[in-house]
Amino acid sequence: MGAIPTAVHPEFKTRPDGATMKALAWFGPRDVRLIDAPVPDITEPDDVIVKVTGTTICGSDLHLYHGEIVTLQKGDILGHEVCWPTF
């Protein structure tokens, strides 16, 4: 899983209380790690933060995993396939 601890340097505003969340981060081809990432904070009046409790990967994530998309930087958080609950 890589070096411990993993340092992440976010370029977004984080909550002042220093709260963290679990996130899957990319650190190179075939090197993804579950990390404690800072919880983002509201910066604009129309911002929202959604608590996601389940997620999955899709085919586009495999391109990232294999290093076929070179615009990623170490520590970039992956994931965009939210599993919405059904009621």
PDB file of N, CA and C in Angstrom:
ATOM      1  N   MET A   1       0.814  -1.198   0.000  1.00  0.00           N
ATOM      2  CA  MET A   1       0.000   0.000   0.000  1.00  0.00           C
ATOM      3  C   MET A   1       0.851   1.254   0.000  1.00  0.00           C
ATOM      4  N   GLY A   2       2.134   1.159  -0.001  1.00  0.00           N
ATOM      5  CA  GLY A   2       2.963   2.351  -0.078  1.00  0.00           C
ATOM      6  C   GLY A   2       3.495   2.791   1.269  1.00  0.00           C
ATOM      7  N   ALA A   3       4.238   3.888   1.216  1.00  0.00           N
ATOM      8  CA  ALA A   3       4.870   4.413   2.429  1.00  0.00           C
ATOM      9  C   ALA A   3       3.822   4.929   3.410  1.00  0.00           C
ATOM     10  N   ILE A   4       4.093   4.725   4.670  1.00  0.00           N
ATOM     11  CA  ILE A   4       3.219   5.203   5.736  1.00  0.00           C
ATOM     12  C   ILE A   4       4.047   6.131   6.615  1.00  0.00           C
ATOM     13  N   PRO A   5       3.607   7.297   7.028  1.00  0.00           N
ATOM     14  CA  PRO A   5       2.360   7.917   6.606  1.00  0.00           C
ATOM     15  C   PRO A   5       2.500   8.542   5.220  1.00  0.00           C
ATOM     16  N   THR A   6       1.395   8.683   4.547  1.00  0.00           N
ATOM     17  CA  THR A   6       1.358   9.305   3.237  1.00  0.00           C
ATOM     18  C   THR A   6       1.009  10.771   3.411  1.00  0.00           C
ATOM     19  N   ALA A   7       1.834  11.657   2.893  1.00  0.00           N
ATOM     20  CA  ALA A   7       1.574  13.094   3.001  1.00  0.00           C
ATOM     21  C   ALA A   7       0.777  13.556   1.800  1.00  0.00           C
ATOM     22  N   VAL A   8      -0.283  14.283   2.044  1.00  0.00           N
ATOM     23  CA  VAL A   8      -1.103  14.851   0.976  1.00  0.00           C
ATOM     24  C   VAL A   8      -1.161  16.350   1.198  1.00  0.00           C
ATOM     25  N   HIS A   9      -0.983  17.096   0.144  1.00  0.00           N
ATOM     26  CA  HIS A   9      -0.996  18.550   0.225  1.00  0.00           C
ATOM     27  C   HIS A   9      -2.146  19.095  -0.602  1.00  0.00           C
ATOM     28  N   PRO A  10      -3.333  19.245  -0.010  1.00  0.00           N
ATOM     29  CA  PRO A  10      -4.492  19.703  -0.774  1.00  0.00           C
ATOM     30  C   PRO A  10      -4.362  21.166  -1.180  1.00  0.00           C
ATOM     31  N   GLU A  11      -4.970  21.486  -2.300  1.00  0.00           N
ATOM     32  CA  GLU A  11      -5.003  22.867  -2.767  1.00  0.00           C
ATOM     33  C   GLU A  11      -6.410  23.423  -2.667  1.00  0.00           C
ATOM     34  N   PHE A  12      -7.166  22.980  -1.687  1.00  0.00           N
ATOM     35  CA  PHE A  12      -8.510  23.457  -1.452  1.00  0.00           C
ATOM     36  C   PHE A  12      -8.638  23.792   0.020  1.00  0.00           C
ATOM     37  N   LYS A  13      -9.672  24.546   0.363  1.00  0.00           N
ATOM     38  CA  LYS A  13      -9.878  24.932   1.756  1.00  0.00           C
ATOM     39  C   LYS A  13     -10.378  23.729   2.551  1.00  0.00           C
ATOM     40  N   THR A  14      -9.769  23.514   3.703  1.00  0.00           N
ATOM     41  CA  THR A  14     -10.179  22.413   4.566  1.00  0.00           C
ATOM     42  C   THR A  14     -10.868  22.950   5.809  1.00  0.00           C
ATOM     43  N   ARG A  15     -11.581  22.079   6.491  1.00  0.00           N
ATOM     44  CA  ARG A  15     -12.272  22.494   7.707  1.00  0.00           C
ATOM     45  C   ARG A  15     -11.267  22.918   8.766  1.00  0.00           C
ATOM     46  N   PRO A  16     -11.584  23.955   9.519  1.00  0.00           N
ATOM     47  CA  PRO A  16     -10.645  24.443  10.534  1.00  0.00           C
ATOM     48  C   PRO A  16     -10.406  23.468  11.679  1.00  0.00           C
ATOM     49  N   ASP A  17     -11.332  22.510  11.889  1.00  0.00           N
ATOM     50  CA  ASP A  17     -11.134  21.573  12.999  1.00  0.00           C
ATOM     51  C   ASP A  17     -10.184  20.428  12.640  1.00  0.00           C
ATOM     52  N   GLY A  18      -9.685  20.397  11.385  1.00  0.00           N
ATOM     53  CA  GLY A  18      -8.729  19.382  10.980  1.00  0.00           C
ATOM     54  C   GLY A  18      -9.331  18.006  10.730  1.00  0.00           C
ATOM     55  N   ALA A  19     -10.658  17.920  10.567  1.00  0.00           N
ATOM     56  CA  ALA A  19     -11.329  16.640  10.347  1.00  0.00           C
ATOM     57  C   ALA A  19     -10.798  15.964   9.082  1.00  0.00           C
ATOM     58  N   THR A  20     -10.770  14.629   9.112  1.00  0.00           N
ATOM     59  CA  THR A  20     -10.310  13.864   7.955  1.00  0.00           C
ATOM     60  C   THR A  20     -11.375  12.856   7.534  1.00  0.00           C
ATOM     61  N   MET A  21     -11.199  12.345   6.323  1.00  0.00           N
ATOM     62  CA  MET A  21     -12.084  11.326   5.776  1.00  0.00           C
ATOM     63  C   MET A  21     -11.218  10.311   5.038  1.00  0.00           C
ATOM     64  N   LYS A  22     -11.724   9.114   4.833  1.00  0.00           N
ATOM     65  CA  LYS A  22     -11.021   8.105   4.048  1.00  0.00           C
ATOM     66  C   LYS A  22     -11.176   8.447   2.570  1.00  0.00           C
ATOM     67  N   ALA A  23     -10.110   8.279   1.801  1.00  0.00           N
ATOM     68  CA  ALA A  23     -10.142   8.544   0.369  1.00  0.00           C
ATOM     69  C   ALA A  23      -9.135   7.642  -0.329  1.00  0.00           C
ATOM     70  N   LEU A  24      -9.420   7.312  -1.581  1.00  0.00           N
ATOM     71  CA  LEU A  24      -8.500   6.538  -2.395  1.00  0.00           C
ATOM     72  C   LEU A  24      -7.696   7.521  -3.230  1.00  0.00           C
ATOM     73  N   ALA A  25      -6.388   7.506  -3.068  1.00  0.00           N
ATOM     74  CA  ALA A  25      -5.530   8.474  -3.751  1.00  0.00           C
ATOM     75  C   ALA A  25      -4.560   7.773  -4.689  1.00  0.00           C
ATOM     76  N   TRP A  26      -4.241   8.437  -5.791  1.00  0.00           N
ATOM     77  CA  TRP A  26      -3.324   7.926  -6.812  1.00  0.00           C
ATOM     78  C   TRP A  26      -1.919   8.436  -6.515  1.00  0.00           C
ATOM     79  N   PHE A  27      -0.933   7.534  -6.556  1.00  0.00           N
ATOM     80  CA  PHE A  27       0.454   7.929  -6.328  1.00  0.00           C
ATOM     81  C   PHE A  27       1.378   7.471  -7.439  1.00  0.00           C
ATOM     82  N   GLY A  28       0.813   6.901  -8.480  1.00  0.00           N
ATOM     83  CA  GLY A  28       1.581   6.445  -9.630  1.00  0.00           C
ATOM     84  C   GLY A  28       0.890   5.248 -10.250  1.00  0.00           C
ATOM     85  N   PRO A  29       1.361   4.820 -11.420  1.00  0.00           N
ATOM     86  CA  PRO A  29       0.752   3.643 -12.059  1.00  0.00           C
ATOM     87  C   PRO A  29       0.755   2.447 -11.107  1.00  0.00           C
ATOM     88  N   ARG A  30      -0.406   1.853 -10.932  1.00  0.00           N
ATOM     89  CA  ARG A  30      -0.620   0.700 -10.059  1.00  0.00           C
ATOM     90  C   ARG A  30      -0.282   0.985  -8.594  1.00  0.00           C
ATOM     91  N   ASP A  31      -0.308   2.244  -8.202  1.00  0.00           N
ATOM     92  CA  ASP A  31      -0.028   2.636  -6.822  1.00  0.00           C
ATOM     93  C   ASP A  31      -1.145   3.548  -6.328  1.00  0.00           C
ATOM     94  N   VAL A  32      -2.194   2.934  -5.788  1.00  0.00           N
ATOM     95  CA  VAL A  32      -3.283   3.683  -5.172  1.00  0.00           C
ATOM     96  C   VAL A  32      -3.319   3.309  -3.699  1.00  0.00           C
ATOM     97  N   ARG A  33      -3.664   4.279  -2.855  1.00  0.00           N
ATOM     98  CA  ARG A  33      -3.623   4.063  -1.412  1.00  0.00           C
ATOM     99  C   ARG A  33      -4.865   4.638  -0.746  1.00  0.00           C
ATOM    100  N   LEU A  34      -5.344   3.943   0.258  1.00  0.00           N
ATOM    101  CA  LEU A  34      -6.411   4.462   1.094  1.00  0.00           C
ATOM    102  C   LEU A  34      -5.752   5.381   2.112  1.00  0.00           C
ATOM    103  N   ILE A  35      -6.132   6.648   2.087  1.00  0.00           N
ATOM    104  CA  ILE A  35      -5.486   7.640   2.949  1.00  0.00           C
ATOM    105  C   ILE A  35      -6.520   8.358   3.804  1.00  0.00           C
ATOM    106  N   ASP A  36      -6.058   9.064   4.799  1.00  0.00           N
ATOM    107  CA  ASP A  36      -6.874  10.014   5.542  1.00  0.00           C
ATOM    108  C   ASP A  36      -6.652  11.372   4.896  1.00  0.00           C
ATOM    109  N   ALA A  37      -7.681  11.876   4.221  1.00  0.00           N
ATOM    110  CA  ALA A  37      -7.596  13.161   3.530  1.00  0.00           C
ATOM    111  C   ALA A  37      -8.385  14.210   4.301  1.00  0.00           C
ATOM    112  N   PRO A  38      -7.977  15.466   4.218  1.00  0.00           N
ATOM    113  CA  PRO A  38      -8.728  16.523   4.896  1.00  0.00           C
ATOM    114  C   PRO A  38     -10.142  16.643   4.333  1.00  0.00           C
ATOM    115  N   VAL A  39     -11.108  16.881   5.208  1.00  0.00           N
ATOM    116  CA  VAL A  39     -12.483  17.126   4.774  1.00  0.00           C
ATOM    117  C   VAL A  39     -12.541  18.547   4.200  1.00  0.00           C
ATOM    118  N   PRO A  40     -13.090  18.713   2.994  1.00  0.00           N
ATOM    119  CA  PRO A  40     -13.170  20.059   2.414  1.00  0.00           C
ATOM    120  C   PRO A  40     -14.158  20.928   3.182  1.00  0.00           C
ATOM    121  N   ASP A  41     -14.028  22.218   3.020  1.00  0.00           N
ATOM    122  CA  ASP A  41     -14.913  23.171   3.683  1.00  0.00           C
ATOM    123  C   ASP A  41     -15.686  23.957   2.632  1.00  0.00           C
ATOM    124  N   ILE A  42     -16.762  24.558   3.038  1.00  0.00           N
ATOM    125  CA  ILE A  42     -17.569  25.405   2.162  1.00  0.00           C
ATOM    126  C   ILE A  42     -16.786  26.674   1.849  1.00  0.00           C
ATOM    127  N   THR A  43     -16.694  27.017   0.550  1.00  0.00           N
ATOM    128  CA  THR A  43     -15.988  28.234   0.159  1.00  0.00           C
ATOM    129  C   THR A  43     -16.884  29.213  -0.585  1.00  0.00           C
ATOM    130  N   GLU A  44     -17.970  28.730  -1.173  1.00  0.00           N
ATOM    131  CA  GLU A  44     -18.899  29.573  -1.920  1.00  0.00           C
ATOM    132  C   GLU A  44     -20.308  29.376  -1.363  1.00  0.00           C
ATOM    133  N   PRO A  45     -21.178  30.386  -1.480  1.00  0.00           N
ATOM    134  CA  PRO A  45     -22.521  30.280  -0.909  1.00  0.00           C
ATOM    135  C   PRO A  45     -23.337  29.105  -1.450  1.00  0.00           C
ATOM    136  N   ASP A  46     -23.061  28.673  -2.677  1.00  0.00           N
ATOM    137  CA  ASP A  46     -23.844  27.585  -3.249  1.00  0.00           C
ATOM    138  C   ASP A  46     -23.114  26.233  -3.179  1.00  0.00           C
ATOM    139  N   ASP A  47     -22.033  26.135  -2.409  1.00  0.00           N
ATOM    140  CA  ASP A  47     -21.325  24.874  -2.220  1.00  0.00           C
ATOM    141  C   ASP A  47     -22.148  23.914  -1.366  1.00  0.00           C
ATOM    142  N   VAL A  48     -21.962  22.642  -1.599  1.00  0.00           N
ATOM    143  CA  VAL A  48     -22.525  21.604  -0.741  1.00  0.00           C
ATOM    144  C   VAL A  48     -21.453  20.542  -0.524  1.00  0.00           C
ATOM    145  N   ILE A  49     -21.538  19.872   0.589  1.00  0.00           N
ATOM    146  CA  ILE A  49     -20.677  18.722   0.858  1.00  0.00           C
ATOM    147  C   ILE A  49     -21.612  17.543   1.086  1.00  0.00           C
ATOM    148  N   VAL A  50     -21.391  16.477   0.320  1.00  0.00           N
ATOM    149  CA  VAL A  50     -22.221  15.289   0.402  1.00  0.00           C
ATOM    150  C   VAL A  50     -21.415  14.182   1.071  1.00  0.00           C
ATOM    151  N   LYS A  51     -21.981  13.571   2.084  1.00  0.00           N
ATOM    152  CA  LYS A  51     -21.317  12.445   2.733  1.00  0.00           C
ATOM    153  C   LYS A  51     -21.591  11.185   1.909  1.00  0.00           C
ATOM    154  N   VAL A  52     -20.538  10.604   1.386  1.00  0.00           N
ATOM    155  CA  VAL A  52     -20.644   9.393   0.577  1.00  0.00           C
ATOM    156  C   VAL A  52     -20.196   8.217   1.434  1.00  0.00           C
ATOM    157  N   THR A  53     -21.041   7.217   1.533  1.00  0.00           N
ATOM    158  CA  THR A  53     -20.707   6.051   2.346  1.00  0.00           C
ATOM    159  C   THR A  53     -20.419   4.819   1.495  1.00  0.00           C
ATOM    160  N   GLY A  54     -20.609   4.915   0.195  1.00  0.00           N
ATOM    161  CA  GLY A  54     -20.310   3.805  -0.694  1.00  0.00           C
ATOM    162  C   GLY A  54     -19.932   4.312  -2.069  1.00  0.00           C
ATOM    163  N   THR A  55     -18.951   3.691  -2.681  1.00  0.00           N
ATOM    164  CA  THR A  55     -18.510   4.087  -4.005  1.00  0.00           C
ATOM    165  C   THR A  55     -17.950   2.870  -4.730  1.00  0.00           C
ATOM    166  N   THR A  56     -17.711   3.010  -5.997  1.00  0.00           N
ATOM    167  CA  THR A  56     -17.128   1.937  -6.787  1.00  0.00           C
ATOM    168  C   THR A  56     -16.266   2.556  -7.880  1.00  0.00           C
ATOM    169  N   ILE A  57     -15.609   1.723  -8.652  1.00  0.00           N
ATOM    170  CA  ILE A  57     -14.803   2.225  -9.756  1.00  0.00           C
ATOM    171  C   ILE A  57     -15.492   1.881 -11.073  1.00  0.00           C
ATOM    172  N   CYS A  58     -15.059   2.523 -12.135  1.00  0.00           N
ATOM    173  CA  CYS A  58     -15.571   2.206 -13.466  1.00  0.00           C
ATOM    174  C   CYS A  58     -14.384   2.082 -14.412  1.00  0.00           C
ATOM    175  N   GLY A  59     -14.661   1.841 -15.674  1.00  0.00           N
ATOM    176  CA  GLY A  59     -13.600   1.637 -16.651  1.00  0.00           C
ATOM    177  C   GLY A  59     -12.635   2.790 -16.763  1.00  0.00           C
ATOM    178  N   SER A  60     -13.116   4.021 -16.617  1.00  0.00           N
ATOM    179  CA  SER A  60     -12.200   5.165 -16.728  1.00  0.00           C
ATOM    180  C   SER A  60     -11.190   5.184 -15.592  1.00  0.00           C
ATOM    181  N   ASP A  61     -11.545   4.631 -14.434  1.00  0.00           N
ATOM    182  CA  ASP A  61     -10.592   4.553 -13.324  1.00  0.00           C
ATOM    183  C   ASP A  61      -9.430   3.620 -13.645  1.00  0.00           C
ATOM    184  N   LEU A  62      -9.680   2.617 -14.476  1.00  0.00           N
ATOM    185  CA  LEU A  62      -8.604   1.695 -14.856  1.00  0.00           C
ATOM    186  C   LEU A  62      -7.530   2.403 -15.676  1.00  0.00           C
ATOM    187  N   HIS A  63      -7.932   3.376 -16.493  1.00  0.00           N
ATOM    188  CA  HIS A  63      -6.948   4.165 -17.249  1.00  0.00           C
ATOM    189  C   HIS A  63      -6.043   4.933 -16.287  1.00  0.00           C
ATOM    190  N   LEU A  64      -6.630   5.456 -15.228  1.00  0.00           N
ATOM    191  CA  LEU A  64      -5.846   6.170 -14.223  1.00  0.00           C
ATOM    192  C   LEU A  64      -4.919   5.204 -13.493  1.00  0.00           C
ATOM    193  N   TYR A  65      -5.455   4.077 -13.099  1.00  0.00           N
ATOM    194  CA  TYR A  65      -4.690   3.073 -12.355  1.00  0.00           C
ATOM    195  C   TYR A  65      -3.466   2.598 -13.143  1.00  0.00           C
ATOM    196  N   HIS A  66      -3.654   2.399 -14.440  1.00  0.00           N
ATOM    197  CA  HIS A  66      -2.562   1.906 -15.278  1.00  0.00           C
ATOM    198  C   HIS A  66      -1.613   3.008 -15.744  1.00  0.00           C
ATOM    199  N   GLY A  67      -1.889   4.267 -15.395  1.00  0.00           N
ATOM    200  CA  GLY A  67      -0.993   5.367 -15.744  1.00  0.00           C
ATOM    201  C   GLY A  67      -1.146   5.859 -17.168  1.00  0.00           C
ATOM    202  N   GLU A  68      -2.282   5.573 -17.801  1.00  0.00           N
ATOM    203  CA  GLU A  68      -2.506   6.008 -19.174  1.00  0.00           C
ATOM    204  C   GLU A  68      -2.907   7.475 -19.271  1.00  0.00           C
ATOM    205  N   ILE A  69      -3.282   8.073 -18.175  1.00  0.00           N
ATOM    206  CA  ILE A  69      -3.624   9.500 -18.131  1.00  0.00           C
ATOM    207  C   ILE A  69      -2.566  10.167 -17.261  1.00  0.00           C
ATOM    208  N   VAL A  70      -1.702  10.936 -17.887  1.00  0.00           N
ATOM    209  CA  VAL A  70      -0.515  11.440 -17.192  1.00  0.00           C
ATOM    210  C   VAL A  70      -0.734  12.790 -16.508  1.00  0.00           C
ATOM    211  N   THR A  71      -1.950  13.310 -16.528  1.00  0.00           N
ATOM    212  CA  THR A  71      -2.191  14.609 -15.892  1.00  0.00           C
ATOM    213  C   THR A  71      -2.398  14.491 -14.385  1.00  0.00           C
ATOM    214  N   LEU A  72      -2.457  13.278 -13.859  1.00  0.00           N
ATOM    215  CA  LEU A  72      -2.622  13.108 -12.415  1.00  0.00           C
ATOM    216  C   LEU A  72      -1.350  13.511 -11.683  1.00  0.00           C
ATOM    217  N   GLN A  73      -1.535  14.017 -10.485  1.00  0.00           N
ATOM    218  CA  GLN A  73      -0.414  14.329  -9.612  1.00  0.00           C
ATOM    219  C   GLN A  73      -0.511  13.429  -8.387  1.00  0.00           C
ATOM    220  N   LYS A  74       0.629  13.096  -7.813  1.00  0.00           N
ATOM    221  CA  LYS A  74       0.627  12.235  -6.633  1.00  0.00           C
ATOM    222  C   LYS A  74      -0.265  12.827  -5.554  1.00  0.00           C
ATOM    223  N   GLY A  75      -1.147  11.989  -5.012  1.00  0.00           N
ATOM    224  CA  GLY A  75      -2.068  12.429  -3.967  1.00  0.00           C
ATOM    225  C   GLY A  75      -3.438  12.808  -4.486  1.00  0.00           C
ATOM    226  N   ASP A  76      -3.637  12.853  -5.829  1.00  0.00           N
ATOM    227  CA  ASP A  76      -4.967  13.150  -6.369  1.00  0.00           C
ATOM    228  C   ASP A  76      -5.945  12.084  -5.903  1.00  0.00           C
ATOM    229  N   ILE A  77      -7.131  12.516  -5.471  1.00  0.00           N
ATOM    230  CA  ILE A  77      -8.145  11.596  -4.966  1.00  0.00           C
ATOM    231  C   ILE A  77      -8.958  11.061  -6.137  1.00  0.00           C
ATOM    232  N   LEU A  78      -9.153   9.746  -6.137  1.00  0.00           N
ATOM    233  CA  LEU A  78      -9.912   9.075  -7.187  1.00  0.00           C
ATOM    234  C   LEU A  78     -11.353   8.859  -6.753  1.00  0.00           C
ATOM    235  N   GLY A  79     -12.185   8.519  -7.715  1.00  0.00           N
ATOM    236  CA  GLY A  79     -13.551   8.115  -7.415  1.00  0.00           C
ATOM    237  C   GLY A  79     -14.576   9.121  -7.879  1.00  0.00           C
ATOM    238  N   HIS A  80     -15.541   8.620  -8.598  1.00  0.00           N
ATOM    239  CA  HIS A  80     -16.647   9.461  -9.028  1.00  0.00           C
ATOM    240  C   HIS A  80     -17.927   8.660  -9.189  1.00  0.00           C
ATOM    241  N   GLU A  81     -17.880   7.381  -8.898  1.00  0.00           N
ATOM    242  CA  GLU A  81     -19.048   6.516  -9.034  1.00  0.00           C
ATOM    243  C   GLU A  81     -19.691   6.317  -7.665  1.00  0.00           C
ATOM    244  N   VAL A  82     -20.545   7.245  -7.294  1.00  0.00           N
ATOM    245  CA  VAL A  82     -21.223   7.183  -5.988  1.00  0.00           C
ATOM    246  C   VAL A  82     -22.326   6.131  -6.040  1.00  0.00           C
ATOM    247  N   CYS A  83     -22.434   5.333  -5.020  1.00  0.00           N
ATOM    248  CA  CYS A  83     -23.509   4.345  -4.896  1.00  0.00           C
ATOM    249  C   CYS A  83     -24.623   4.976  -4.081  1.00  0.00           C
ATOM    250  N   TRP A  84     -25.661   5.455  -4.730  1.00  0.00           N
ATOM    251  CA  TRP A  84     -26.769   6.114  -4.044  1.00  0.00           C
ATOM    252  C   TRP A  84     -27.696   5.057  -3.462  1.00  0.00           C
ATOM    253  N   PRO A  85     -28.132   5.256  -2.238  1.00  0.00           N
ATOM    254  CA  PRO A  85     -29.043   4.270  -1.629  1.00  0.00           C
ATOM    255  C   PRO A  85     -30.403   4.308  -2.311  1.00  0.00           C
ATOM    256  N   THR A  86     -31.051   3.172  -2.344  1.00  0.00           N
ATOM    257  CA  THR A  86     -32.417   3.120  -2.857  1.00  0.00           C
ATOM    258  C   THR A  86     -33.350   2.989  -1.666  1.00  0.00           C
ATOM    259  N   PHE A  87     -34.442   3.677  -1.726  1.00  0.00           N
ATOM    260  CA  PHE A  87     -35.397   3.681  -0.614  1.00  0.00           C
ATOM    261  C   PHE A  87     -36.685   3.012  -1.018  1.00  0.00           C
TER     262      PHE A  87
END
